Amino acid sequence: MKKKMTYLILTILIFMVGCTNGEDTSITAKEKDSQEITTVTNKNNETDGETDPQEGTTANTNKNSEKEKATTTVVDDPVVEETPTNTSDDLFSGYKLIEVDGGDLSGHREPNVVVDIGYGEREYWTFTNEYGQLVRVIADEIVLQDDRNEPVLSSGRYYSDEAKVPGVESDVLDEGHIIADSLGGVSNAYNITPQNSTLNRHGDQAYMEHAIRSAGGAYNFEAIITYPNTETQIPSNYQYTYTLMDSEIVDTFENVNPDEVNASLGLTDSKPSDSTSSITTGDISSVDKDGNGQVTIKEAKEAGYNMPITSDHWLYSYMQDNDGDGMVGE
């Protein structure tokens, strides 16, 4: 009887051990399946999860994700650097860019437009307001006329005449260039204002142009033109700002006869002499190389004379002043 009881107890113990091993095996299998499912899910979704430290798929996936994020950051940086807006877009904002022939003699201007008034490859930008008044001219660099390589007329101009802006019909007003032919400017209405003849030929306007020519050009050029009202195209005031040999120059003057102003202020007792008129006589044969009795701009320059040649210079009578403004080669 005692042997049978012992045998029965052993049988029950064996049976319990077998059940326990089966349950452990089942649990282990389920945990492994769960881990494999989690691993697959992390790989596809590339998200962090709780996995068996022995499994490497999720870790590798996360490393790849971090690499991709780092790569994205590197690519994004230059995109941010390239986002600044175009300078020309900012400069022309609010204006319509149009093209006008440099020799257009029409005195009409469109309102709120910007036009390039530089001859050839020069970029001289001029702006009008809502009334069609010429109010601003800018140029990064003033490049002097090149009469050796550009089609310059014997008068020293690119074109035979200037635009007929309303007001230039006056006997005391010239067709005044904001940027002269000698400085590379064209002759359409977007570079011409009715300007006092004395101011244009002998006053501050002529002095400013002469200074730029003597320096071989200028940088950071800006002209601001103002008017007494919105009905006229005749300016009341000019302000020029430009850089010569690293020095910034600001010239501001009214559109009046400077001689009359100086006389009214008692600043002069006689007509001031022009710097180009220092020589009152000379030998024409030393200038007129072809001996035809007519001196061209080119011949005068080669002889060492600075432009413009004004009406009180001895050479003037031998030269051709097509527009009759008392200056040749301005």
C-alpha atoms as a PDB file:
ATOM      1  CA  MET A   1       0.000   0.000   0.000  1.00  0.00           C
ATOM      2  CA  LYS A   2       2.841   2.404   0.885  1.00  0.00           C
ATOM      3  CA  LYS A   3       4.555   1.745  -2.482  1.00  0.00           C
ATOM      4  CA  LYS A   4       1.343   2.554  -4.329  1.00  0.00           C
ATOM      5  CA  MET A   5       1.027   5.880  -2.498  1.00  0.00           C
ATOM      6  CA  THR A   6       4.624   6.772  -3.309  1.00  0.00           C
ATOM      7  CA  TYR A   7       4.094   5.961  -6.955  1.00  0.00           C
ATOM      8  CA  LEU A   8       0.937   8.026  -7.090  1.00  0.00           C
ATOM      9  CA  ILE A   9       2.684  11.049  -5.550  1.00  0.00           C
ATOM     10  CA  LEU A  10       5.550  10.795  -8.054  1.00  0.00           C
ATOM     11  CA  THR A  11       3.082  10.561 -10.901  1.00  0.00           C
ATOM     12  CA  ILE A  12       1.280  13.703  -9.711  1.00  0.00           C
ATOM     13  CA  LEU A  13       4.607  15.600  -9.354  1.00  0.00           C
ATOM     14  CA  ILE A  14       5.729  14.608 -12.855  1.00  0.00           C
ATOM     15  CA  PHE A  15       2.390  15.719 -14.259  1.00  0.00           C
ATOM     16  CA  MET A  16       2.660  19.137 -12.513  1.00  0.00           C
ATOM     17  CA  VAL A  17       6.202  19.703 -13.733  1.00  0.00           C
ATOM     18  CA  GLY A  18       5.129  18.924 -17.286  1.00  0.00           C
ATOM     19  CA  CYS A  19       2.262  21.416 -17.119  1.00  0.00           C
ATOM     20  CA  THR A  20       4.534  24.091 -15.713  1.00  0.00           C
ATOM     21  CA  ASN A  21       7.075  23.647 -18.522  1.00  0.00           C
ATOM     22  CA  GLY A  22       4.319  23.808 -21.099  1.00  0.00           C
ATOM     23  CA  GLU A  23       2.984  27.059 -19.692  1.00  0.00           C
ATOM     24  CA  ASP A  24       6.471  28.568 -19.564  1.00  0.00           C
ATOM     25  CA  THR A  25       7.048  27.544 -23.143  1.00  0.00           C
ATOM     26  CA  SER A  26       3.758  29.082 -24.198  1.00  0.00           C
ATOM     27  CA  ILE A  27       4.474  32.330 -22.372  1.00  0.00           C
ATOM     28  CA  THR A  28       7.976  32.540 -23.833  1.00  0.00           C
ATOM     29  CA  ALA A  29       6.587  31.972 -27.323  1.00  0.00           C
ATOM     30  CA  LYS A  30       3.992  34.679 -26.826  1.00  0.00           C
ATOM     31  CA  GLU A  31       6.602  37.133 -25.552  1.00  0.00           C
ATOM     32  CA  LYS A  32       8.843  36.378 -28.500  1.00  0.00           C
ATOM     33  CA  ASP A  33       5.963  36.837 -30.937  1.00  0.00           C
ATOM     34  CA  SER A  34       5.098  40.108 -29.256  1.00  0.00           C
ATOM     35  CA  GLN A  35       8.692  41.282 -29.535  1.00  0.00           C
ATOM     36  CA  GLU A  36       8.868  40.423 -33.203  1.00  0.00           C
ATOM     37  CA  ILE A  37       5.640  42.293 -33.904  1.00  0.00           C
ATOM     38  CA  THR A  38       6.915  45.334 -32.020  1.00  0.00           C
ATOM     39  CA  THR A  39      10.154  45.240 -33.962  1.00  0.00           C
ATOM     40  CA  VAL A  40       8.379  45.170 -37.320  1.00  0.00           C
ATOM     41  CA  THR A  41       6.069  47.961 -36.272  1.00  0.00           C
ATOM     42  CA  ASN A  42       9.022  50.166 -35.228  1.00  0.00           C
ATOM     43  CA  LYS A  43      10.845  49.592 -38.515  1.00  0.00           C
ATOM     44  CA  ASN A  44       7.897  50.506 -40.681  1.00  0.00           C
ATOM     45  CA  ASN A  45       6.748  53.475 -38.607  1.00  0.00           C
ATOM     46  CA  GLU A  46      10.241  54.535 -37.527  1.00  0.00           C
ATOM     47  CA  THR A  47       9.065  55.253 -33.996  1.00  0.00           C
ATOM     48  CA  ASP A  48      10.614  54.442 -30.630  1.00  0.00           C
ATOM     49  CA  GLY A  49       9.141  51.447 -28.709  1.00  0.00           C
ATOM     50  CA  GLU A  50       9.778  49.137 -25.788  1.00  0.00           C
ATOM     51  CA  THR A  51      11.642  46.191 -27.214  1.00  0.00           C
ATOM     52  CA  ASP A  52      14.019  43.490 -26.106  1.00  0.00           C
ATOM     53  CA  PRO A  53      17.485  45.043 -25.714  1.00  0.00           C
ATOM     54  CA  GLN A  54      18.820  42.051 -27.627  1.00  0.00           C
ATOM     55  CA  GLU A  55      16.823  43.037 -30.720  1.00  0.00           C
ATOM     56  CA  GLY A  56      18.748  45.545 -32.914  1.00  0.00           C
ATOM     57  CA  THR A  57      16.185  46.472 -35.547  1.00  0.00           C
ATOM     58  CA  THR A  58      14.553  49.315 -33.635  1.00  0.00           C
ATOM     59  CA  ALA A  59      17.886  50.775 -32.550  1.00  0.00           C
ATOM     60  CA  ASN A  60      19.167  50.731 -36.127  1.00  0.00           C
ATOM     61  CA  THR A  61      15.944  52.270 -37.365  1.00  0.00           C
ATOM     62  CA  ASN A  62      16.190  55.069 -34.808  1.00  0.00           C
ATOM     63  CA  LYS A  63      19.803  55.689 -35.804  1.00  0.00           C
ATOM     64  CA  ASN A  64      18.758  55.923 -39.445  1.00  0.00           C
ATOM     65  CA  SER A  65      15.986  58.318 -38.479  1.00  0.00           C
ATOM     66  CA  GLU A  66      18.487  60.491 -36.622  1.00  0.00           C
ATOM     67  CA  LYS A  67      20.799  60.470 -39.636  1.00  0.00           C
ATOM     68  CA  GLU A  68      17.950  61.503 -41.915  1.00  0.00           C
ATOM     69  CA  LYS A  69      17.024  64.350 -39.576  1.00  0.00           C
ATOM     70  CA  ALA A  70      20.623  65.532 -39.511  1.00  0.00           C
ATOM     71  CA  THR A  71      20.804  65.393 -43.306  1.00  0.00           C
ATOM     72  CA  THR A  72      17.592  67.401 -43.593  1.00  0.00           C
ATOM     73  CA  THR A  73      19.030  70.094 -41.337  1.00  0.00           C
ATOM     74  CA  VAL A  74      22.154  70.416 -43.488  1.00  0.00           C
ATOM     75  CA  VAL A  75      20.091  70.739 -46.676  1.00  0.00           C
ATOM     76  CA  ASP A  76      17.750  73.321 -45.126  1.00  0.00           C
ATOM     77  CA  ASP A  77      20.539  75.729 -44.125  1.00  0.00           C
ATOM     78  CA  PRO A  78      21.522  76.935 -47.636  1.00  0.00           C
ATOM     79  CA  VAL A  79      17.859  77.300 -48.567  1.00  0.00           C
ATOM     80  CA  VAL A  80      17.481  79.844 -45.769  1.00  0.00           C
ATOM     81  CA  GLU A  81      20.588  81.686 -46.976  1.00  0.00           C
ATOM     82  CA  GLU A  82      19.184  82.029 -50.490  1.00  0.00           C
ATOM     83  CA  THR A  83      15.932  83.623 -49.396  1.00  0.00           C
ATOM     84  CA  PRO A  84      16.940  87.365 -49.446  1.00  0.00           C
ATOM     85  CA  THR A  85      14.858  89.281 -51.977  1.00  0.00           C
ATOM     86  CA  ASN A  86      16.320  90.564 -55.220  1.00  0.00           C
ATOM     87  CA  THR A  87      17.867  94.024 -54.913  1.00  0.00           C
ATOM     88  CA  SER A  88      16.359  95.193 -58.200  1.00  0.00           C
ATOM     89  CA  ASP A  89      12.914  94.114 -57.033  1.00  0.00           C
ATOM     90  CA  ASP A  90      13.318  96.234 -53.913  1.00  0.00           C
ATOM     91  CA  LEU A  91      14.715  99.155 -55.898  1.00  0.00           C
ATOM     92  CA  PHE A  92      11.905  99.152 -58.459  1.00  0.00           C
ATOM     93  CA  SER A  93       9.100  98.401 -56.018  1.00  0.00           C
ATOM     94  CA  GLY A  94       6.119 100.606 -56.844  1.00  0.00           C
ATOM     95  CA  TYR A  95       7.479 101.502 -60.300  1.00  0.00           C
ATOM     96  CA  LYS A  96       6.938 100.043 -63.742  1.00  0.00           C
ATOM     97  CA  LEU A  97      10.145  99.282 -65.635  1.00  0.00           C
ATOM     98  CA  ILE A  98       9.936 100.505 -69.242  1.00  0.00           C
ATOM     99  CA  GLU A  99      12.385 100.952 -72.123  1.00  0.00           C
ATOM    100  CA  VAL A 100      12.713 104.279 -73.935  1.00  0.00           C
ATOM    101  CA  ASP A 101      15.031 104.967 -76.867  1.00  0.00           C
ATOM    102  CA  GLY A 102      17.932 107.174 -75.817  1.00  0.00           C
ATOM    103  CA  GLY A 103      17.320 109.581 -78.680  1.00  0.00           C
ATOM    104  CA  ASP A 104      13.542 109.881 -78.253  1.00  0.00           C
ATOM    105  CA  LEU A 105      12.817 113.625 -78.603  1.00  0.00           C
ATOM    106  CA  SER A 106       9.324 113.395 -77.155  1.00  0.00           C
ATOM    107  CA  GLY A 107       9.027 115.387 -73.963  1.00  0.00           C
ATOM    108  CA  HIS A 108       6.387 113.056 -72.528  1.00  0.00           C
ATOM    109  CA  ARG A 109       7.051 110.995 -69.419  1.00  0.00           C
ATOM    110  CA  GLU A 110       4.982 108.177 -67.975  1.00  0.00           C
ATOM    111  CA  PRO A 111       4.080 108.386 -64.279  1.00  0.00           C
ATOM    112  CA  ASN A 112       5.563 106.000 -61.698  1.00  0.00           C
ATOM    113  CA  VAL A 113       8.079 104.397 -64.035  1.00  0.00           C
ATOM    114  CA  VAL A 114      11.782 103.577 -63.924  1.00  0.00           C
ATOM    115  CA  VAL A 115      13.965 103.903 -67.045  1.00  0.00           C
ATOM    116  CA  ASP A 116      17.605 103.158 -67.808  1.00  0.00           C
ATOM    117  CA  ILE A 117      19.140 106.381 -69.183  1.00  0.00           C
ATOM    118  CA  GLY A 118      22.708 105.061 -69.423  1.00  0.00           C
ATOM    119  CA  TYR A 119      24.176 104.871 -72.914  1.00  0.00           C
ATOM    120  CA  GLY A 120      25.256 101.395 -74.028  1.00  0.00           C
ATOM    121  CA  GLU A 121      25.836  98.977 -71.152  1.00  0.00           C
ATOM    122  CA  ARG A 122      25.677 101.666 -68.460  1.00  0.00           C
ATOM    123  CA  GLU A 123      22.912 101.373 -65.886  1.00  0.00           C
ATOM    124  CA  TYR A 124      21.651 104.792 -64.809  1.00  0.00           C
ATOM    125  CA  TRP A 125      18.169 104.457 -63.314  1.00  0.00           C
ATOM    126  CA  THR A 126      15.716 107.344 -63.356  1.00  0.00           C
ATOM    127  CA  PHE A 127      12.343 107.492 -61.572  1.00  0.00           C
ATOM    128  CA  THR A 128       9.183 109.531 -62.097  1.00  0.00           C
ATOM    129  CA  ASN A 129       6.437 110.303 -59.614  1.00  0.00           C
ATOM    130  CA  GLU A 130       2.670 110.032 -60.109  1.00  0.00           C
ATOM    131  CA  TYR A 131       2.687 113.349 -62.013  1.00  0.00           C
ATOM    132  CA  GLY A 132       5.325 112.263 -64.532  1.00  0.00           C
ATOM    133  CA  GLN A 133       7.934 114.524 -62.954  1.00  0.00           C
ATOM    134  CA  LEU A 134      11.526 113.330 -63.022  1.00  0.00           C
ATOM    135  CA  VAL A 135      12.382 113.079 -59.311  1.00  0.00           C
ATOM    136  CA  ARG A 136      15.353 110.747 -58.855  1.00  0.00           C
ATOM    137  CA  VAL A 137      18.346 109.378 -60.762  1.00  0.00           C
ATOM    138  CA  ILE A 138      20.809 106.830 -59.367  1.00  0.00           C
ATOM    139  CA  ALA A 139      23.895 105.030 -60.644  1.00  0.00           C
ATOM    140  CA  ASP A 140      26.345 102.749 -58.870  1.00  0.00           C
ATOM    141  CA  GLU A 141      29.077 104.058 -61.155  1.00  0.00           C
ATOM    142  CA  ILE A 142      29.354 106.947 -63.613  1.00  0.00           C
ATOM    143  CA  VAL A 143      31.348 105.773 -66.629  1.00  0.00           C
ATOM    144  CA  LEU A 144      32.643 108.588 -68.835  1.00  0.00           C
ATOM    145  CA  GLN A 145      31.862 108.831 -72.518  1.00  0.00           C
ATOM    146  CA  ASP A 146      34.334 106.923 -74.669  1.00  0.00           C
ATOM    147  CA  ASP A 147      34.571 108.873 -77.913  1.00  0.00           C
ATOM    148  CA  ARG A 148      37.177 106.474 -79.286  1.00  0.00           C
ATOM    149  CA  ASN A 149      34.975 103.403 -79.103  1.00  0.00           C
ATOM    150  CA  GLU A 150      31.458 104.837 -79.027  1.00  0.00           C
ATOM    151  CA  PRO A 151      29.575 106.474 -81.919  1.00  0.00           C
ATOM    152  CA  VAL A 152      29.985 110.055 -80.686  1.00  0.00           C
ATOM    153  CA  LEU A 153      29.046 112.929 -82.982  1.00  0.00           C
ATOM    154  CA  SER A 154      31.481 115.731 -83.771  1.00  0.00           C
ATOM    155  CA  SER A 155      29.513 117.859 -81.287  1.00  0.00           C
ATOM    156  CA  GLY A 156      30.555 115.484 -78.523  1.00  0.00           C
ATOM    157  CA  ARG A 157      27.030 114.099 -78.128  1.00  0.00           C
ATOM    158  CA  TYR A 158      25.456 110.701 -78.729  1.00  0.00           C
ATOM    159  CA  TYR A 159      22.402 112.320 -80.331  1.00  0.00           C
ATOM    160  CA  SER A 160      21.943 115.469 -82.378  1.00  0.00           C
ATOM    161  CA  ASP A 161      19.242 116.908 -80.109  1.00  0.00           C
ATOM    162  CA  GLU A 162      17.521 116.544 -76.731  1.00  0.00           C
ATOM    163  CA  ALA A 163      13.952 115.753 -75.691  1.00  0.00           C
ATOM    164  CA  LYS A 164      11.508 118.664 -75.731  1.00  0.00           C
ATOM    165  CA  VAL A 165      10.313 118.532 -72.143  1.00  0.00           C
ATOM    166  CA  PRO A 166       7.655 121.227 -71.494  1.00  0.00           C
ATOM    167  CA  GLY A 167       9.495 124.383 -70.435  1.00  0.00           C
ATOM    168  CA  VAL A 168      12.631 124.084 -72.576  1.00  0.00           C
ATOM    169  CA  GLU A 169      11.070 126.435 -75.123  1.00  0.00           C
ATOM    170  CA  SER A 170      11.943 129.296 -72.760  1.00  0.00           C
ATOM    171  CA  ASP A 171      14.792 131.596 -73.805  1.00  0.00           C
ATOM    172  CA  VAL A 172      16.421 131.268 -70.393  1.00  0.00           C
ATOM    173  CA  LEU A 173      16.076 127.506 -69.954  1.00  0.00           C
ATOM    174  CA  ASP A 174      18.259 124.794 -71.495  1.00  0.00           C
ATOM    175  CA  GLU A 175      17.478 121.161 -72.227  1.00  0.00           C
ATOM    176  CA  GLY A 176      19.546 120.221 -69.203  1.00  0.00           C
ATOM    177  CA  HIS A 177      20.876 116.698 -68.742  1.00  0.00           C
ATOM    178  CA  ILE A 178      20.760 115.213 -65.272  1.00  0.00           C
ATOM    179  CA  ILE A 179      23.658 113.018 -66.418  1.00  0.00           C
ATOM    180  CA  ALA A 180      25.481 114.697 -69.300  1.00  0.00           C
ATOM    181  CA  ASP A 181      26.512 113.078 -72.583  1.00  0.00           C
ATOM    182  CA  SER A 182      30.127 113.333 -71.450  1.00  0.00           C
ATOM    183  CA  LEU A 183      29.187 111.251 -68.401  1.00  0.00           C
ATOM    184  CA  GLY A 184      27.408 108.585 -70.452  1.00  0.00           C
ATOM    185  CA  GLY A 185      23.808 109.835 -70.323  1.00  0.00           C
ATOM    186  CA  VAL A 186      21.229 109.688 -73.132  1.00  0.00           C
ATOM    187  CA  SER A 187      18.961 112.483 -74.369  1.00  0.00           C
ATOM    188  CA  ASN A 188      15.365 111.326 -73.839  1.00  0.00           C
ATOM    189  CA  ALA A 189      12.858 113.000 -71.517  1.00  0.00           C
ATOM    190  CA  TYR A 190      13.855 110.792 -68.591  1.00  0.00           C
ATOM    191  CA  ASN A 191      17.268 112.518 -68.464  1.00  0.00           C
ATOM    192  CA  ILE A 192      16.250 116.068 -69.405  1.00  0.00           C
ATOM    193  CA  THR A 193      14.797 118.879 -67.304  1.00  0.00           C
ATOM    194  CA  PRO A 194      14.324 122.550 -68.213  1.00  0.00           C
ATOM    195  CA  GLN A 195      17.319 124.130 -66.480  1.00  0.00           C
ATOM    196  CA  ASN A 196      18.499 127.709 -66.224  1.00  0.00           C
ATOM    197  CA  SER A 197      20.947 128.307 -69.066  1.00  0.00           C
ATOM    198  CA  THR A 198      23.624 129.981 -66.959  1.00  0.00           C
ATOM    199  CA  LEU A 199      23.355 127.296 -64.274  1.00  0.00           C
ATOM    200  CA  ASN A 200      23.673 124.597 -66.926  1.00  0.00           C
ATOM    201  CA  ARG A 201      26.563 126.156 -68.822  1.00  0.00           C
ATOM    202  CA  HIS A 202      28.620 127.980 -66.205  1.00  0.00           C
ATOM    203  CA  GLY A 203      27.089 127.311 -62.770  1.00  0.00           C
ATOM    204  CA  ASP A 204      26.975 124.479 -60.273  1.00  0.00           C
ATOM    205  CA  GLN A 205      25.623 121.990 -62.820  1.00  0.00           C
ATOM    206  CA  ALA A 206      28.572 122.574 -65.144  1.00  0.00           C
ATOM    207  CA  TYR A 207      30.992 122.533 -62.190  1.00  0.00           C
ATOM    208  CA  MET A 208      29.650 119.196 -60.960  1.00  0.00           C
ATOM    209  CA  GLU A 209      29.990 117.610 -64.393  1.00  0.00           C
ATOM    210  CA  HIS A 210      33.505 119.004 -64.797  1.00  0.00           C
ATOM    211  CA  ALA A 211      34.553 117.604 -61.407  1.00  0.00           C
ATOM    212  CA  ILE A 212      33.349 114.113 -62.317  1.00  0.00           C
ATOM    213  CA  ARG A 213      35.081 114.207 -65.699  1.00  0.00           C
ATOM    214  CA  SER A 214      38.335 115.370 -64.127  1.00  0.00           C
ATOM    215  CA  ALA A 215      38.185 112.516 -61.617  1.00  0.00           C
ATOM    216  CA  GLY A 216      37.600 109.947 -64.360  1.00  0.00           C
ATOM    217  CA  GLY A 217      34.100 109.069 -63.146  1.00  0.00           C
ATOM    218  CA  ALA A 218      32.165 108.766 -59.908  1.00  0.00           C
ATOM    219  CA  TYR A 219      30.446 106.226 -57.668  1.00  0.00           C
ATOM    220  CA  ASN A 220      27.228 106.083 -55.647  1.00  0.00           C
ATOM    221  CA  PHE A 221      25.640 108.804 -57.739  1.00  0.00           C
ATOM    222  CA  GLU A 222      22.201 110.104 -56.807  1.00  0.00           C
ATOM    223  CA  ALA A 223      20.235 113.115 -58.019  1.00  0.00           C
ATOM    224  CA  ILE A 224      17.104 114.318 -56.237  1.00  0.00           C
ATOM    225  CA  ILE A 225      14.975 116.792 -58.209  1.00  0.00           C
ATOM    226  CA  THR A 226      12.178 118.781 -56.590  1.00  0.00           C
ATOM    227  CA  TYR A 227       9.424 120.997 -58.032  1.00  0.00           C
ATOM    228  CA  PRO A 228       7.416 123.990 -56.815  1.00  0.00           C
ATOM    229  CA  ASN A 229       4.133 122.226 -57.582  1.00  0.00           C
ATOM    230  CA  THR A 230       2.694 119.168 -59.338  1.00  0.00           C
ATOM    231  CA  GLU A 231       1.707 121.023 -62.518  1.00  0.00           C
ATOM    232  CA  THR A 232       5.138 121.908 -63.920  1.00  0.00           C
ATOM    233  CA  GLN A 233       8.086 120.017 -65.362  1.00  0.00           C
ATOM    234  CA  ILE A 234      10.510 122.818 -64.439  1.00  0.00           C
ATOM    235  CA  PRO A 235      12.424 121.890 -61.280  1.00  0.00           C
ATOM    236  CA  SER A 236      12.984 124.326 -58.448  1.00  0.00           C
ATOM    237  CA  ASN A 237      15.922 122.540 -56.850  1.00  0.00           C
ATOM    238  CA  TYR A 238      18.607 119.905 -57.515  1.00  0.00           C
ATOM    239  CA  GLN A 239      20.638 117.857 -55.056  1.00  0.00           C
ATOM    240  CA  TYR A 240      23.519 115.690 -56.279  1.00  0.00           C
ATOM    241  CA  THR A 241      25.344 113.215 -54.065  1.00  0.00           C
ATOM    242  CA  TYR A 242      28.325 111.268 -55.422  1.00  0.00           C
ATOM    243  CA  THR A 243      31.697 109.855 -54.428  1.00  0.00           C
ATOM    244  CA  LEU A 244      34.953 111.123 -55.928  1.00  0.00           C
ATOM    245  CA  MET A 245      38.201 109.447 -54.899  1.00  0.00           C
ATOM    246  CA  ASP A 246      36.698 108.120 -51.640  1.00  0.00           C
ATOM    247  CA  SER A 247      35.174 111.500 -50.732  1.00  0.00           C
ATOM    248  CA  GLU A 248      31.411 111.992 -50.663  1.00  0.00           C
ATOM    249  CA  ILE A 249      30.269 115.205 -52.343  1.00  0.00           C
ATOM    250  CA  VAL A 250      26.859 116.813 -51.871  1.00  0.00           C
ATOM    251  CA  ASP A 251      25.898 119.639 -54.243  1.00  0.00           C
ATOM    252  CA  THR A 252      22.581 121.407 -53.658  1.00  0.00           C
ATOM    253  CA  PHE A 253      21.450 124.354 -55.763  1.00  0.00           C
ATOM    254  CA  GLU A 254      18.331 126.074 -57.007  1.00  0.00           C
ATOM    255  CA  ASN A 255      17.274 126.196 -60.643  1.00  0.00           C
ATOM    256  CA  VAL A 256      18.089 129.884 -61.023  1.00  0.00           C
ATOM    257  CA  ASN A 257      20.722 132.091 -62.635  1.00  0.00           C
ATOM    258  CA  PRO A 258      23.689 131.897 -60.218  1.00  0.00           C
ATOM    259  CA  ASP A 259      25.131 135.163 -61.510  1.00  0.00           C
ATOM    260  CA  GLU A 260      21.959 137.028 -60.607  1.00  0.00           C
ATOM    261  CA  VAL A 261      21.880 135.420 -57.180  1.00  0.00           C
ATOM    262  CA  ASN A 262      25.526 136.264 -56.510  1.00  0.00           C
ATOM    263  CA  ALA A 263      25.019 139.830 -57.737  1.00  0.00           C
ATOM    264  CA  SER A 264      21.986 140.283 -55.478  1.00  0.00           C
ATOM    265  CA  LEU A 265      24.072 139.088 -52.553  1.00  0.00           C
ATOM    266  CA  GLY A 266      26.956 141.394 -53.469  1.00  0.00           C
ATOM    267  CA  LEU A 267      29.284 138.468 -53.916  1.00  0.00           C
ATOM    268  CA  THR A 268      30.631 139.453 -57.330  1.00  0.00           C
ATOM    269  CA  ASP A 269      31.443 142.616 -59.202  1.00  0.00           C
ATOM    270  CA  SER A 270      32.185 141.017 -62.525  1.00  0.00           C
ATOM    271  CA  LYS A 271      31.274 137.959 -64.537  1.00  0.00           C
ATOM    272  CA  PRO A 272      33.202 134.947 -63.211  1.00  0.00           C
ATOM    273  CA  SER A 273      35.542 133.305 -65.660  1.00  0.00           C
ATOM    274  CA  ASP A 274      35.041 129.641 -66.516  1.00  0.00           C
ATOM    275  CA  SER A 275      37.890 127.240 -65.880  1.00  0.00           C
ATOM    276  CA  THR A 276      37.819 126.157 -69.510  1.00  0.00           C
ATOM    277  CA  SER A 277      38.274 129.785 -70.643  1.00  0.00           C
ATOM    278  CA  SER A 278      41.690 130.339 -69.110  1.00  0.00           C
ATOM    279  CA  ILE A 279      43.271 130.396 -72.554  1.00  0.00           C
ATOM    280  CA  THR A 280      41.912 133.332 -74.541  1.00  0.00           C
ATOM    281  CA  THR A 281      43.905 132.822 -77.720  1.00  0.00           C
ATOM    282  CA  GLY A 282      45.937 130.134 -79.391  1.00  0.00           C
ATOM    283  CA  ASP A 283      47.265 128.628 -82.594  1.00  0.00           C
ATOM    284  CA  ILE A 284      44.439 126.849 -84.411  1.00  0.00           C
ATOM    285  CA  SER A 285      46.905 124.845 -86.499  1.00  0.00           C
ATOM    286  CA  SER A 286      48.128 123.061 -83.370  1.00  0.00           C
ATOM    287  CA  VAL A 287      44.594 121.780 -82.734  1.00  0.00           C
ATOM    288  CA  ASP A 288      43.078 121.457 -86.217  1.00  0.00           C
ATOM    289  CA  LYS A 289      45.085 118.435 -87.328  1.00  0.00           C
ATOM    290  CA  ASP A 290      43.370 117.961 -90.683  1.00  0.00           C
ATOM    291  CA  GLY A 291      43.578 121.668 -91.525  1.00  0.00           C
ATOM    292  CA  ASN A 292      39.916 122.055 -92.495  1.00  0.00           C
ATOM    293  CA  GLY A 293      39.353 125.032 -90.226  1.00  0.00           C
ATOM    294  CA  GLN A 294      36.942 123.109 -87.987  1.00  0.00           C
ATOM    295  CA  VAL A 295      37.923 121.688 -84.607  1.00  0.00           C
ATOM    296  CA  THR A 296      36.238 118.512 -83.420  1.00  0.00           C
ATOM    297  CA  ILE A 297      35.786 117.325 -79.842  1.00  0.00           C
ATOM    298  CA  LYS A 298      38.365 114.638 -80.453  1.00  0.00           C
ATOM    299  CA  GLU A 299      40.932 117.099 -81.792  1.00  0.00           C
ATOM    300  CA  ALA A 300      40.406 119.452 -78.863  1.00  0.00           C
ATOM    301  CA  LYS A 301      40.813 116.661 -76.328  1.00  0.00           C
ATOM    302  CA  GLU A 302      43.952 115.356 -78.032  1.00  0.00           C
ATOM    303  CA  ALA A 303      45.352 118.882 -77.860  1.00  0.00           C
ATOM    304  CA  GLY A 304      44.865 118.806 -74.103  1.00  0.00           C
ATOM    305  CA  TYR A 305      41.690 120.873 -73.705  1.00  0.00           C
ATOM    306  CA  ASN A 306      39.049 119.875 -71.169  1.00  0.00           C
ATOM    307  CA  MET A 307      35.386 119.682 -72.111  1.00  0.00           C
ATOM    308  CA  PRO A 308      33.104 121.482 -72.365  1.00  0.00           C
ATOM    309  CA  ILE A 309      34.378 124.317 -74.508  1.00  0.00           C
ATOM    310  CA  THR A 310      32.180 127.299 -73.687  1.00  0.00           C
ATOM    311  CA  SER A 311      31.218 130.286 -75.807  1.00  0.00           C
ATOM    312  CA  ASP A 312      33.886 132.528 -74.215  1.00  0.00           C
ATOM    313  CA  HIS A 313      36.706 130.110 -75.064  1.00  0.00           C
ATOM    314  CA  TRP A 314      38.816 130.976 -78.114  1.00  0.00           C
ATOM    315  CA  LEU A 315      38.277 127.505 -79.590  1.00  0.00           C
ATOM    316  CA  TYR A 316      34.490 127.809 -79.483  1.00  0.00           C
ATOM    317  CA  SER A 317      34.257 129.758 -82.745  1.00  0.00           C
ATOM    318  CA  TYR A 318      36.066 126.911 -84.532  1.00  0.00           C
ATOM    319  CA  MET A 319      33.752 124.222 -83.163  1.00  0.00           C
ATOM    320  CA  GLN A 320      30.203 123.135 -83.940  1.00  0.00           C
ATOM    321  CA  ASP A 321      27.565 123.804 -81.273  1.00  0.00           C
ATOM    322  CA  ASN A 322      24.592 121.953 -82.764  1.00  0.00           C
ATOM    323  CA  ASP A 323      22.100 122.759 -80.018  1.00  0.00           C
ATOM    324  CA  GLY A 324      23.258 126.367 -79.625  1.00  0.00           C
ATOM    325  CA  ASP A 325      23.556 126.170 -75.849  1.00  0.00           C
ATOM    326  CA  GLY A 326      26.930 127.891 -75.695  1.00  0.00           C
ATOM    327  CA  MET A 327      28.846 124.718 -74.922  1.00  0.00           C
ATOM    328  CA  VAL A 328      30.523 122.022 -76.957  1.00  0.00           C
ATOM    329  CA  GLY A 329      31.362 118.650 -75.476  1.00  0.00           C
ATOM    330  CA  GLU A 330      29.348 119.000 -72.263  1.00  0.00           C
END
